[in-house]
């Protein structure tokens, strides 16, 4: 992590400690202190990013229990040595995917996201990698994220309009469009191509 972003690491750690203390702590006065620590962490985020305090609280201070990373699933779907990308509403492209729903497994979520964003029915065949998002994507968020990349095969279907994407297409590695860097980087796409071409692929885990 860049030294200029060290403050974010501290704010995240304070929030995590406060959240655990609020969950496990029994003493009323200790709980008040943990609430204040959580507020300070949120104030740090709001001050440095100029994001309204109310929004920071909604994103940063609403979970209960021991804090764990969020899960983001991404599908790697290939056709004729080209990879499937979906076009976001902002005009940038990414691998189809998103947050893993609480009532879905990672495998189920990958299949669901491809259907919703690209209109394709797929099978989830193999885990390519489990990545710590902040090591690869920017900007860094105020919460930890594990990204799970899954190699998939098309069973059927075709693109249909939806609220999340405005288009989809298959791209060769040397003709990638402008990517949404917070979701998908060129290096992550290259990794998916390597897994697709490999006879025996070992899952990469961070």
N, C-alpha and C. Protein backbone atom coordinates (compact mmCIF):
# COMPACT_ATOMS: atom_id res chain seq x y z
N UNK A 1 0.84 -1.19 0.00
CA UNK A 1 0.00 0.00 0.00
C UNK A 1 0.88 1.25 0.00
N UNK A 2 0.54 2.23 -0.83
CA UNK A 2 1.27 3.49 -0.89
C UNK A 2 1.22 4.20 0.46
N UNK A 3 2.33 4.89 0.80
CA UNK A 3 2.38 5.61 2.09
C UNK A 3 1.26 6.63 2.20
N UNK A 4 0.87 7.22 1.07
CA UNK A 4 -0.20 8.20 1.08
C UNK A 4 -1.56 7.59 1.43
N UNK A 5 -1.65 6.26 1.36
CA UNK A 5 -2.91 5.58 1.67
C UNK A 5 -2.85 4.87 3.02
N UNK A 6 -1.78 5.09 3.77
CA UNK A 6 -1.61 4.43 5.06
C UNK A 6 -2.72 4.81 6.02
N UNK A 7 -3.21 6.05 5.92
CA UNK A 7 -4.30 6.50 6.78
C UNK A 7 -5.54 5.63 6.62
N UNK A 8 -5.77 5.16 5.38
CA UNK A 8 -6.93 4.32 5.13
C UNK A 8 -6.78 2.97 5.83
N UNK A 9 -5.57 2.42 5.81
CA UNK A 9 -5.31 1.16 6.50
C UNK A 9 -5.58 1.31 7.99
N UNK A 10 -5.16 2.46 8.57
CA UNK A 10 -5.41 2.69 9.99
C UNK A 10 -6.90 2.84 10.27
N UNK A 11 -7.61 3.56 9.43
CA UNK A 11 -9.05 3.76 9.62
C UNK A 11 -9.80 2.43 9.55
N UNK A 12 -9.41 1.60 8.60
CA UNK A 12 -10.05 0.29 8.46
C UNK A 12 -9.78 -0.58 9.68
N UNK A 13 -8.54 -0.54 10.20
CA UNK A 13 -8.22 -1.33 11.38
C UNK A 13 -9.00 -0.84 12.60
N UNK A 14 -9.10 0.48 12.77
CA UNK A 14 -9.88 1.03 13.88
C UNK A 14 -11.34 0.58 13.80
N UNK A 15 -11.90 0.66 12.59
CA UNK A 15 -13.29 0.24 12.40
C UNK A 15 -13.46 -1.24 12.73
N UNK A 16 -12.52 -2.06 12.29
CA UNK A 16 -12.60 -3.49 12.55
C UNK A 16 -12.54 -3.80 14.04
N UNK A 17 -11.61 -3.15 14.75
CA UNK A 17 -11.49 -3.35 16.20
C UNK A 17 -12.75 -2.89 16.92
N UNK A 18 -13.29 -1.75 16.49
CA UNK A 18 -14.50 -1.22 17.12
C UNK A 18 -15.69 -2.14 16.88
N UNK A 19 -15.79 -2.67 15.66
CA UNK A 19 -16.92 -3.55 15.34
C UNK A 19 -16.86 -4.83 16.16
N UNK A 20 -15.66 -5.40 16.29
CA UNK A 20 -15.52 -6.60 17.11
C UNK A 20 -15.83 -6.29 18.57
N UNK A 21 -15.36 -5.14 19.07
CA UNK A 21 -15.63 -4.76 20.45
C UNK A 21 -17.11 -4.57 20.71
N UNK A 22 -17.82 -3.99 19.77
CA UNK A 22 -19.27 -3.79 19.93
C UNK A 22 -20.01 -5.12 19.94
N UNK A 23 -19.48 -6.08 19.20
CA UNK A 23 -20.15 -7.38 19.13
C UNK A 23 -19.89 -8.23 20.36
N UNK A 24 -18.63 -8.23 20.82
CA UNK A 24 -18.25 -9.10 21.92
C UNK A 24 -18.29 -8.41 23.28
N UNK A 25 -18.17 -7.09 23.29
CA UNK A 25 -18.10 -6.37 24.56
C UNK A 25 -19.42 -6.36 25.32
N UNK A 26 -19.34 -6.44 26.65
CA UNK A 26 -20.54 -6.46 27.49
C UNK A 26 -20.67 -5.19 28.34
N UNK A 27 -19.56 -4.59 28.67
CA UNK A 27 -19.59 -3.42 29.54
C UNK A 27 -20.13 -2.20 28.77
N UNK A 28 -21.09 -1.50 29.37
CA UNK A 28 -21.74 -0.38 28.71
C UNK A 28 -20.75 0.73 28.36
N UNK A 29 -19.83 1.02 29.27
CA UNK A 29 -18.87 2.09 29.04
C UNK A 29 -17.86 1.72 27.94
N UNK A 30 -17.47 0.45 27.92
CA UNK A 30 -16.59 0.00 26.84
C UNK A 30 -17.29 0.11 25.49
N UNK A 31 -18.56 -0.23 25.47
CA UNK A 31 -19.31 -0.15 24.22
C UNK A 31 -19.41 1.29 23.72
N UNK A 32 -19.55 2.22 24.64
CA UNK A 32 -19.58 3.63 24.27
C UNK A 32 -18.25 4.05 23.66
N UNK A 33 -17.15 3.53 24.24
CA UNK A 33 -15.83 3.86 23.69
C UNK A 33 -15.65 3.26 22.30
N UNK A 34 -16.12 2.03 22.12
CA UNK A 34 -16.03 1.41 20.80
C UNK A 34 -16.86 2.18 19.77
N UNK A 35 -18.02 2.66 20.17
CA UNK A 35 -18.84 3.47 19.27
C UNK A 35 -18.09 4.73 18.85
N UNK A 36 -17.38 5.34 19.82
CA UNK A 36 -16.63 6.55 19.51
C UNK A 36 -15.45 6.24 18.59
N UNK A 37 -14.78 5.11 18.81
CA UNK A 37 -13.68 4.73 17.93
C UNK A 37 -14.20 4.51 16.50
N UNK A 38 -15.35 3.86 16.38
CA UNK A 38 -15.94 3.65 15.06
C UNK A 38 -16.29 4.98 14.40
N UNK A 39 -16.80 5.92 15.18
CA UNK A 39 -17.13 7.24 14.64
C UNK A 39 -15.88 7.97 14.16
N UNK A 40 -14.79 7.86 14.94
CA UNK A 40 -13.54 8.50 14.53
C UNK A 40 -13.05 7.92 13.21
N UNK A 41 -13.13 6.61 13.07
CA UNK A 41 -12.71 5.97 11.82
C UNK A 41 -13.54 6.49 10.65
N UNK A 42 -14.84 6.60 10.85
CA UNK A 42 -15.71 7.12 9.79
C UNK A 42 -15.40 8.57 9.48
N UNK A 43 -15.11 9.36 10.51
CA UNK A 43 -14.76 10.76 10.30
C UNK A 43 -13.47 10.89 9.50
N UNK A 44 -12.51 10.00 9.75
CA UNK A 44 -11.25 10.00 8.98
C UNK A 44 -11.53 9.76 7.51
N UNK A 45 -12.36 8.76 7.23
CA UNK A 45 -12.70 8.44 5.84
C UNK A 45 -13.40 9.63 5.18
N UNK A 46 -14.38 10.19 5.86
CA UNK A 46 -15.15 11.30 5.30
C UNK A 46 -14.26 12.52 5.05
N UNK A 47 -13.38 12.82 6.00
CA UNK A 47 -12.51 13.99 5.90
C UNK A 47 -11.53 13.87 4.74
N UNK A 48 -10.93 12.69 4.60
CA UNK A 48 -9.90 12.51 3.58
C UNK A 48 -10.48 12.34 2.17
N UNK A 49 -11.68 11.78 2.07
CA UNK A 49 -12.26 11.50 0.76
C UNK A 49 -13.32 12.51 0.35
N UNK A 50 -13.77 13.33 1.29
CA UNK A 50 -14.85 14.31 1.07
C UNK A 50 -16.18 13.62 0.73
N UNK A 51 -16.30 12.35 1.14
CA UNK A 51 -17.58 11.65 1.02
C UNK A 51 -18.43 12.05 2.22
N UNK A 52 -19.71 12.39 2.02
CA UNK A 52 -20.56 12.79 3.14
C UNK A 52 -20.54 11.76 4.27
N UNK A 53 -20.53 12.27 5.50
CA UNK A 53 -20.44 11.39 6.67
C UNK A 53 -21.56 10.36 6.70
N UNK A 54 -22.76 10.74 6.29
CA UNK A 54 -23.89 9.81 6.31
C UNK A 54 -23.65 8.63 5.39
N UNK A 55 -23.07 8.90 4.21
CA UNK A 55 -22.79 7.81 3.28
C UNK A 55 -21.69 6.91 3.81
N UNK A 56 -20.67 7.51 4.44
CA UNK A 56 -19.59 6.70 5.01
C UNK A 56 -20.14 5.77 6.08
N UNK A 57 -21.01 6.30 6.92
CA UNK A 57 -21.61 5.46 7.97
C UNK A 57 -22.39 4.31 7.38
N UNK A 58 -23.14 4.57 6.31
CA UNK A 58 -23.93 3.51 5.67
C UNK A 58 -23.05 2.41 5.11
N UNK A 59 -21.89 2.80 4.52
CA UNK A 59 -21.01 1.82 3.88
C UNK A 59 -20.07 1.15 4.86
N UNK A 60 -19.75 1.86 5.93
CA UNK A 60 -18.60 1.51 6.76
C UNK A 60 -18.97 1.05 8.15
N UNK A 61 -20.14 1.44 8.63
CA UNK A 61 -20.45 1.25 10.05
C UNK A 61 -21.77 0.53 10.31
N UNK A 62 -22.24 -0.24 9.35
CA UNK A 62 -23.56 -0.86 9.53
C UNK A 62 -23.49 -2.36 9.83
N UNK A 63 -22.34 -2.98 9.60
CA UNK A 63 -22.26 -4.41 9.83
C UNK A 63 -22.09 -4.74 11.30
N UNK A 64 -22.47 -5.95 11.65
CA UNK A 64 -22.33 -6.42 13.02
C UNK A 64 -21.51 -7.70 13.01
N UNK A 65 -20.99 -8.04 14.19
CA UNK A 65 -20.20 -9.26 14.30
C UNK A 65 -18.76 -9.02 13.92
N UNK A 66 -17.99 -10.09 13.88
CA UNK A 66 -16.57 -9.99 13.54
C UNK A 66 -16.45 -9.59 12.07
N UNK A 67 -15.67 -8.56 11.78
CA UNK A 67 -15.57 -8.05 10.43
C UNK A 67 -14.77 -8.98 9.53
N UNK A 68 -15.32 -9.30 8.37
CA UNK A 68 -14.66 -10.14 7.38
C UNK A 68 -14.75 -9.48 6.01
N UNK A 69 -13.92 -9.89 5.05
CA UNK A 69 -13.97 -9.27 3.72
C UNK A 69 -15.28 -9.59 3.00
N UNK A 70 -15.67 -8.69 2.10
CA UNK A 70 -16.78 -8.96 1.20
C UNK A 70 -16.27 -9.82 0.05
N UNK A 71 -17.19 -10.53 -0.59
CA UNK A 71 -16.84 -11.41 -1.71
C UNK A 71 -17.35 -10.83 -3.02
N UNK A 72 -16.46 -10.79 -4.01
CA UNK A 72 -16.81 -10.35 -5.36
C UNK A 72 -16.46 -11.48 -6.31
N UNK A 73 -17.42 -11.95 -7.08
CA UNK A 73 -17.16 -13.05 -8.02
C UNK A 73 -17.08 -12.51 -9.45
N UNK A 74 -16.15 -13.04 -10.24
CA UNK A 74 -15.95 -12.63 -11.63
C UNK A 74 -15.84 -13.87 -12.52
N UNK A 75 -16.55 -13.84 -13.64
CA UNK A 75 -16.59 -14.99 -14.55
C UNK A 75 -15.68 -14.76 -15.75
N UNK A 76 -14.91 -15.78 -16.11
CA UNK A 76 -14.09 -15.76 -17.31
C UNK A 76 -14.71 -16.73 -18.31
N UNK A 77 -15.33 -16.17 -19.35
CA UNK A 77 -16.04 -16.96 -20.35
C UNK A 77 -15.35 -16.74 -21.69
N UNK A 78 -15.01 -17.83 -22.39
CA UNK A 78 -14.25 -17.72 -23.64
C UNK A 78 -15.01 -18.29 -24.83
N UNK A 79 -14.73 -17.69 -25.98
CA UNK A 79 -15.25 -18.19 -27.26
C UNK A 79 -14.25 -17.81 -28.35
N UNK A 80 -13.79 -18.81 -29.11
CA UNK A 80 -12.83 -18.57 -30.19
C UNK A 80 -11.62 -17.78 -29.71
N UNK A 81 -11.09 -18.16 -28.56
CA UNK A 81 -9.91 -17.53 -27.97
C UNK A 81 -10.12 -16.05 -27.67
N UNK A 82 -11.36 -15.69 -27.38
CA UNK A 82 -11.69 -14.33 -26.96
C UNK A 82 -12.47 -14.42 -25.65
N UNK A 83 -12.34 -13.37 -24.82
CA UNK A 83 -12.97 -13.38 -23.51
C UNK A 83 -14.19 -12.48 -23.49
N UNK A 84 -15.19 -12.90 -22.76
CA UNK A 84 -16.44 -12.14 -22.64
C UNK A 84 -16.28 -10.97 -21.67
N UNK A 85 -16.65 -9.78 -22.13
CA UNK A 85 -16.71 -8.61 -21.28
C UNK A 85 -18.08 -7.96 -21.41
N UNK A 86 -18.51 -7.31 -20.35
CA UNK A 86 -19.79 -6.60 -20.39
C UNK A 86 -19.52 -5.11 -20.25
N UNK A 87 -20.35 -4.32 -20.92
CA UNK A 87 -20.18 -2.87 -20.90
C UNK A 87 -21.06 -2.27 -19.82
N UNK A 88 -20.43 -1.55 -18.89
CA UNK A 88 -21.15 -0.93 -17.79
C UNK A 88 -21.89 0.32 -18.29
N UNK A 89 -22.76 0.86 -17.43
CA UNK A 89 -23.51 2.05 -17.79
C UNK A 89 -22.62 3.27 -18.01
N UNK A 90 -21.41 3.25 -17.45
CA UNK A 90 -20.48 4.38 -17.64
C UNK A 90 -19.64 4.24 -18.90
N UNK A 91 -19.91 3.18 -19.69
CA UNK A 91 -19.19 2.98 -20.94
C UNK A 91 -17.94 2.14 -20.84
N UNK A 92 -17.51 1.82 -19.61
CA UNK A 92 -16.32 0.98 -19.42
C UNK A 92 -16.72 -0.49 -19.37
N UNK A 93 -15.73 -1.36 -19.52
CA UNK A 93 -15.98 -2.80 -19.64
C UNK A 93 -15.38 -3.56 -18.46
N UNK A 94 -15.96 -4.71 -18.17
CA UNK A 94 -15.44 -5.55 -17.09
C UNK A 94 -15.85 -7.00 -17.32
N UNK A 95 -15.21 -7.89 -16.58
CA UNK A 95 -15.68 -9.27 -16.54
C UNK A 95 -17.04 -9.28 -15.85
N UNK A 96 -17.99 -10.08 -16.32
CA UNK A 96 -19.28 -10.13 -15.64
C UNK A 96 -19.12 -10.63 -14.21
N UNK A 97 -19.85 -10.02 -13.29
CA UNK A 97 -19.75 -10.44 -11.90
C UNK A 97 -20.26 -9.38 -10.96
N UNK A 98 -20.06 -9.61 -9.67
CA UNK A 98 -20.51 -8.67 -8.66
C UNK A 98 -20.47 -9.29 -7.27
N UNK A 99 -21.07 -8.57 -6.31
CA UNK A 99 -21.11 -9.06 -4.94
C UNK A 99 -21.78 -10.43 -4.86
N UNK A 100 -21.25 -11.29 -4.03
CA UNK A 100 -21.86 -12.60 -3.78
C UNK A 100 -23.03 -12.41 -2.82
N UNK A 101 -24.22 -12.76 -3.26
CA UNK A 101 -25.42 -12.61 -2.44
C UNK A 101 -25.36 -13.54 -1.23
N UNK A 102 -25.99 -13.12 -0.14
CA UNK A 102 -25.92 -13.91 1.10
C UNK A 102 -26.60 -15.27 0.96
N UNK A 103 -27.53 -15.40 0.02
CA UNK A 103 -28.23 -16.68 -0.14
C UNK A 103 -27.68 -17.50 -1.29
N UNK A 104 -26.49 -17.14 -1.77
CA UNK A 104 -25.89 -17.85 -2.89
C UNK A 104 -24.47 -18.31 -2.53
N UNK A 105 -24.07 -19.44 -3.09
CA UNK A 105 -22.66 -19.83 -3.01
C UNK A 105 -21.90 -19.05 -4.07
N UNK A 106 -20.58 -19.08 -4.01
CA UNK A 106 -19.79 -18.40 -5.04
C UNK A 106 -20.13 -18.95 -6.42
N UNK A 107 -20.23 -20.25 -6.54
CA UNK A 107 -20.56 -20.88 -7.82
C UNK A 107 -21.91 -20.43 -8.32
N UNK A 108 -22.91 -20.45 -7.46
CA UNK A 108 -24.25 -20.03 -7.85
C UNK A 108 -24.26 -18.56 -8.25
N UNK A 109 -23.48 -17.76 -7.54
CA UNK A 109 -23.48 -16.32 -7.82
C UNK A 109 -22.83 -16.01 -9.16
N UNK A 110 -21.75 -16.72 -9.49
CA UNK A 110 -21.10 -16.53 -10.79
C UNK A 110 -22.09 -16.81 -11.92
N UNK A 111 -22.78 -17.91 -11.82
CA UNK A 111 -23.77 -18.29 -12.85
C UNK A 111 -24.86 -17.23 -12.95
N UNK A 112 -25.34 -16.77 -11.80
CA UNK A 112 -26.41 -15.76 -11.76
C UNK A 112 -25.96 -14.45 -12.40
N UNK A 113 -24.75 -14.00 -12.08
CA UNK A 113 -24.27 -12.72 -12.59
C UNK A 113 -24.08 -12.74 -14.10
N UNK A 114 -23.57 -13.84 -14.64
CA UNK A 114 -23.40 -13.93 -16.09
C UNK A 114 -24.76 -13.89 -16.79
N UNK A 115 -25.74 -14.57 -16.22
CA UNK A 115 -27.08 -14.55 -16.80
C UNK A 115 -27.68 -13.15 -16.75
N UNK A 116 -27.53 -12.48 -15.61
CA UNK A 116 -28.11 -11.15 -15.45
C UNK A 116 -27.42 -10.10 -16.33
N UNK A 117 -26.08 -10.17 -16.41
CA UNK A 117 -25.33 -9.11 -17.09
C UNK A 117 -25.06 -9.39 -18.56
N UNK A 118 -24.99 -10.67 -18.94
CA UNK A 118 -24.67 -11.01 -20.33
C UNK A 118 -25.75 -11.85 -21.01
N UNK A 119 -26.75 -12.29 -20.25
CA UNK A 119 -27.83 -13.08 -20.83
C UNK A 119 -27.46 -14.51 -21.17
N UNK A 120 -26.32 -14.98 -20.66
CA UNK A 120 -25.84 -16.32 -21.00
C UNK A 120 -26.02 -17.30 -19.85
N UNK A 121 -26.39 -18.52 -20.21
CA UNK A 121 -26.39 -19.62 -19.24
C UNK A 121 -25.00 -20.26 -19.29
N UNK A 122 -24.36 -20.38 -18.13
CA UNK A 122 -23.02 -20.94 -18.09
C UNK A 122 -22.90 -21.97 -16.98
N UNK A 123 -21.86 -22.77 -17.08
CA UNK A 123 -21.47 -23.65 -15.98
C UNK A 123 -20.19 -23.08 -15.39
N UNK A 124 -20.07 -23.11 -14.08
CA UNK A 124 -18.86 -22.64 -13.39
C UNK A 124 -17.94 -23.84 -13.21
N UNK A 125 -16.81 -23.83 -13.90
CA UNK A 125 -16.00 -25.04 -14.02
C UNK A 125 -14.79 -25.11 -13.09
N UNK A 126 -14.10 -23.96 -12.90
CA UNK A 126 -12.85 -24.02 -12.16
C UNK A 126 -12.50 -22.66 -11.58
N UNK A 127 -11.99 -22.65 -10.35
CA UNK A 127 -11.56 -21.39 -9.74
C UNK A 127 -10.17 -21.04 -10.29
N UNK A 128 -10.07 -19.87 -10.87
CA UNK A 128 -8.79 -19.41 -11.42
C UNK A 128 -7.93 -18.80 -10.32
N UNK A 129 -8.54 -17.92 -9.53
CA UNK A 129 -7.77 -17.22 -8.50
C UNK A 129 -8.68 -16.63 -7.44
N UNK A 130 -8.13 -16.47 -6.25
CA UNK A 130 -8.76 -15.73 -5.16
C UNK A 130 -7.78 -14.61 -4.82
N UNK A 131 -8.19 -13.37 -5.08
CA UNK A 131 -7.29 -12.23 -4.93
C UNK A 131 -7.75 -11.28 -3.82
N UNK A 132 -6.75 -10.63 -3.21
CA UNK A 132 -6.99 -9.51 -2.31
C UNK A 132 -7.13 -8.28 -3.21
N UNK A 133 -8.33 -7.72 -3.29
CA UNK A 133 -8.62 -6.68 -4.27
C UNK A 133 -7.65 -5.50 -4.22
N UNK A 134 -7.29 -5.05 -3.02
CA UNK A 134 -6.50 -3.83 -2.94
C UNK A 134 -5.07 -4.01 -3.46
N UNK A 135 -4.66 -5.25 -3.72
CA UNK A 135 -3.35 -5.48 -4.33
C UNK A 135 -3.38 -5.29 -5.84
N UNK A 136 -4.58 -5.20 -6.41
CA UNK A 136 -4.70 -5.20 -7.87
C UNK A 136 -5.56 -4.07 -8.44
N UNK A 137 -6.58 -3.65 -7.73
CA UNK A 137 -7.53 -2.70 -8.27
C UNK A 137 -7.50 -1.37 -7.54
N UNK A 138 -7.83 -0.32 -8.27
CA UNK A 138 -7.93 1.02 -7.70
C UNK A 138 -9.27 1.63 -8.07
N UNK A 139 -9.82 2.48 -7.20
CA UNK A 139 -9.24 2.93 -5.93
C UNK A 139 -9.37 1.87 -4.84
N UNK A 140 -8.59 2.03 -3.77
CA UNK A 140 -8.72 1.16 -2.61
C UNK A 140 -9.98 1.57 -1.85
N UNK A 141 -10.74 0.60 -1.40
CA UNK A 141 -11.97 0.86 -0.67
C UNK A 141 -11.73 0.81 0.84
N UNK A 142 -12.70 1.31 1.58
CA UNK A 142 -12.60 1.34 3.03
C UNK A 142 -13.06 0.03 3.65
N UNK A 143 -13.11 -1.02 2.88
CA UNK A 143 -13.42 -2.35 3.40
C UNK A 143 -12.70 -3.35 2.51
N UNK A 144 -12.36 -4.48 3.09
CA UNK A 144 -11.60 -5.49 2.36
C UNK A 144 -12.52 -6.29 1.43
N UNK A 145 -11.96 -6.70 0.31
CA UNK A 145 -12.72 -7.47 -0.68
C UNK A 145 -11.86 -8.62 -1.19
N UNK A 146 -12.43 -9.81 -1.23
CA UNK A 146 -11.81 -10.96 -1.90
C UNK A 146 -12.48 -11.13 -3.26
N UNK A 147 -11.68 -11.14 -4.30
CA UNK A 147 -12.21 -11.35 -5.64
C UNK A 147 -11.95 -12.79 -6.05
N UNK A 148 -13.01 -13.48 -6.48
CA UNK A 148 -12.91 -14.87 -6.91
C UNK A 148 -13.17 -14.94 -8.41
N UNK A 149 -12.16 -15.39 -9.16
CA UNK A 149 -12.27 -15.51 -10.61
C UNK A 149 -12.55 -16.97 -10.96
N UNK A 150 -13.58 -17.19 -11.78
CA UNK A 150 -14.03 -18.54 -12.09
C UNK A 150 -14.10 -18.75 -13.60
N UNK A 151 -13.47 -19.80 -14.09
CA UNK A 151 -13.55 -20.15 -15.50
C UNK A 151 -14.89 -20.82 -15.78
N UNK A 152 -15.60 -20.33 -16.78
CA UNK A 152 -16.95 -20.81 -17.07
C UNK A 152 -17.09 -21.25 -18.52
N UNK A 153 -18.10 -22.07 -18.77
CA UNK A 153 -18.41 -22.52 -20.14
C UNK A 153 -19.84 -22.15 -20.48
N UNK A 154 -20.06 -21.71 -21.72
CA UNK A 154 -21.39 -21.29 -22.17
C UNK A 154 -22.25 -22.51 -22.48
N UNK A 155 -23.47 -22.47 -21.98
CA UNK A 155 -24.45 -23.52 -22.27
C UNK A 155 -25.48 -23.02 -23.28
N UNK A 156 -25.83 -21.74 -23.18
CA UNK A 156 -26.80 -21.17 -24.11
C UNK A 156 -27.09 -19.72 -23.75
N UNK A 157 -28.11 -19.16 -24.42
CA UNK A 157 -28.53 -17.81 -24.13
C UNK A 157 -27.95 -16.76 -25.05
N UNK A 158 -28.38 -15.52 -24.89
CA UNK A 158 -27.86 -14.38 -25.65
C UNK A 158 -28.11 -13.10 -24.86
N UNK A 159 -27.37 -12.04 -25.20
CA UNK A 159 -27.49 -10.80 -24.44
C UNK A 159 -28.90 -10.25 -24.51
N UNK A 160 -29.35 -9.72 -23.38
CA UNK A 160 -30.65 -9.04 -23.33
C UNK A 160 -30.50 -7.80 -22.46
N UNK A 161 -31.23 -6.75 -22.77
CA UNK A 161 -31.13 -5.51 -22.00
C UNK A 161 -31.39 -5.73 -20.52
N UNK A 162 -30.64 -5.02 -19.68
CA UNK A 162 -30.82 -5.13 -18.24
C UNK A 162 -30.40 -3.82 -17.59
N UNK A 163 -30.56 -3.72 -16.27
CA UNK A 163 -30.30 -2.46 -15.58
C UNK A 163 -28.82 -2.26 -15.24
N UNK A 164 -28.00 -3.30 -15.40
CA UNK A 164 -26.60 -3.22 -14.98
C UNK A 164 -25.64 -2.99 -16.13
N UNK A 165 -25.93 -3.55 -17.30
CA UNK A 165 -25.01 -3.44 -18.43
C UNK A 165 -25.77 -3.00 -19.69
N UNK A 166 -25.01 -2.39 -20.62
CA UNK A 166 -25.63 -1.91 -21.86
C UNK A 166 -25.16 -2.69 -23.08
N UNK A 167 -24.31 -3.68 -22.85
CA UNK A 167 -23.83 -4.47 -23.97
C UNK A 167 -22.83 -5.51 -23.53
N UNK A 168 -22.47 -6.40 -24.44
CA UNK A 168 -21.46 -7.42 -24.13
C UNK A 168 -20.75 -7.78 -25.43
N UNK A 169 -19.58 -8.37 -25.29
CA UNK A 169 -18.83 -8.78 -26.47
C UNK A 169 -17.63 -9.62 -26.10
N UNK A 170 -17.07 -10.31 -27.08
CA UNK A 170 -15.88 -11.11 -26.88
C UNK A 170 -14.67 -10.37 -27.46
N UNK A 171 -13.56 -10.38 -26.71
CA UNK A 171 -12.39 -9.60 -27.11
C UNK A 171 -11.12 -10.45 -27.00
N UNK A 172 -10.25 -10.29 -28.00
CA UNK A 172 -8.92 -10.90 -27.93
C UNK A 172 -8.08 -10.10 -26.94
N UNK A 173 -7.02 -10.71 -26.46
CA UNK A 173 -6.19 -10.05 -25.45
C UNK A 173 -5.56 -8.77 -25.98
N UNK A 174 -5.29 -8.72 -27.28
CA UNK A 174 -4.64 -7.54 -27.85
C UNK A 174 -5.64 -6.50 -28.37
N UNK A 175 -6.93 -6.68 -28.06
CA UNK A 175 -7.93 -5.72 -28.50
C UNK A 175 -8.92 -5.37 -27.39
N UNK A 176 -8.41 -5.36 -26.16
CA UNK A 176 -9.29 -5.09 -25.03
C UNK A 176 -9.78 -3.64 -25.07
N UNK A 177 -11.04 -3.40 -24.75
CA UNK A 177 -11.56 -2.03 -24.67
C UNK A 177 -11.15 -1.39 -23.35
N UNK A 178 -11.58 -0.15 -23.13
CA UNK A 178 -11.29 0.55 -21.88
C UNK A 178 -11.96 -0.18 -20.72
N UNK A 179 -11.17 -0.61 -19.75
CA UNK A 179 -11.69 -1.41 -18.64
C UNK A 179 -12.03 -0.57 -17.43
N UNK A 180 -13.01 -1.02 -16.69
CA UNK A 180 -13.37 -0.41 -15.41
C UNK A 180 -12.37 -0.91 -14.38
N UNK A 181 -11.34 -0.12 -14.10
CA UNK A 181 -10.20 -0.58 -13.32
C UNK A 181 -10.56 -0.99 -11.89
N UNK A 182 -11.64 -0.46 -11.34
CA UNK A 182 -12.01 -0.85 -9.99
C UNK A 182 -12.57 -2.26 -9.95
N UNK A 183 -12.95 -2.81 -11.13
CA UNK A 183 -13.51 -4.15 -11.20
C UNK A 183 -12.62 -5.14 -11.93
N UNK A 184 -12.01 -4.69 -13.03
CA UNK A 184 -11.23 -5.59 -13.87
C UNK A 184 -10.03 -4.85 -14.46
N UNK A 185 -8.85 -5.42 -14.32
CA UNK A 185 -7.65 -4.84 -14.90
C UNK A 185 -7.16 -5.71 -16.05
N UNK A 186 -6.27 -5.14 -16.87
CA UNK A 186 -5.67 -5.90 -17.96
C UNK A 186 -4.93 -7.12 -17.42
N UNK A 187 -4.23 -6.94 -16.30
CA UNK A 187 -3.48 -8.06 -15.70
C UNK A 187 -4.43 -9.18 -15.27
N UNK A 188 -5.60 -8.84 -14.77
CA UNK A 188 -6.55 -9.87 -14.37
C UNK A 188 -7.12 -10.61 -15.58
N UNK A 189 -7.34 -9.89 -16.67
CA UNK A 189 -7.79 -10.53 -17.90
C UNK A 189 -6.69 -11.45 -18.44
N UNK A 190 -5.45 -10.99 -18.41
CA UNK A 190 -4.32 -11.83 -18.85
C UNK A 190 -4.25 -13.12 -18.04
N UNK A 191 -4.48 -13.00 -16.74
CA UNK A 191 -4.48 -14.17 -15.87
C UNK A 191 -5.55 -15.17 -16.30
N UNK A 192 -6.71 -14.67 -16.66
CA UNK A 192 -7.80 -15.54 -17.10
C UNK A 192 -7.45 -16.24 -18.41
N UNK A 193 -6.79 -15.53 -19.32
CA UNK A 193 -6.34 -16.16 -20.57
C UNK A 193 -5.33 -17.28 -20.28
N UNK A 194 -4.42 -17.03 -19.35
CA UNK A 194 -3.43 -18.05 -18.99
C UNK A 194 -4.11 -19.30 -18.45
N UNK A 195 -5.11 -19.10 -17.60
CA UNK A 195 -5.84 -20.24 -17.03
C UNK A 195 -6.60 -21.00 -18.12
N UNK A 196 -7.17 -20.26 -19.05
CA UNK A 196 -7.93 -20.87 -20.15
C UNK A 196 -7.03 -21.73 -21.04
N UNK A 197 -5.81 -21.26 -21.28
CA UNK A 197 -4.90 -21.98 -22.16
C UNK A 197 -4.15 -23.11 -21.45
N UNK A 198 -4.12 -23.08 -20.14
CA UNK A 198 -3.33 -24.05 -19.39
C UNK A 198 -3.95 -25.44 -19.43
N UNK A 199 -3.10 -26.45 -19.60
CA UNK A 199 -3.58 -27.83 -19.53
C UNK A 199 -3.93 -28.20 -18.10
N UNK A 200 -3.09 -27.77 -17.18
CA UNK A 200 -3.34 -28.00 -15.75
C UNK A 200 -3.10 -26.67 -15.02
N UNK A 201 -4.15 -26.11 -14.49
CA UNK A 201 -4.05 -24.80 -13.83
C UNK A 201 -4.17 -24.96 -12.33
N UNK A 202 -3.23 -24.38 -11.60
CA UNK A 202 -3.32 -24.36 -10.15
C UNK A 202 -3.92 -23.04 -9.70
N UNK A 203 -4.96 -23.12 -8.90
CA UNK A 203 -5.62 -21.92 -8.40
C UNK A 203 -4.64 -21.01 -7.69
N UNK A 204 -4.66 -19.73 -8.05
CA UNK A 204 -3.81 -18.74 -7.38
C UNK A 204 -4.54 -18.18 -6.17
N UNK A 205 -3.90 -18.21 -5.02
CA UNK A 205 -4.55 -17.77 -3.77
C UNK A 205 -3.68 -16.75 -3.07
N UNK A 206 -4.27 -15.64 -2.70
CA UNK A 206 -3.57 -14.62 -1.92
C UNK A 206 -4.14 -14.56 -0.51
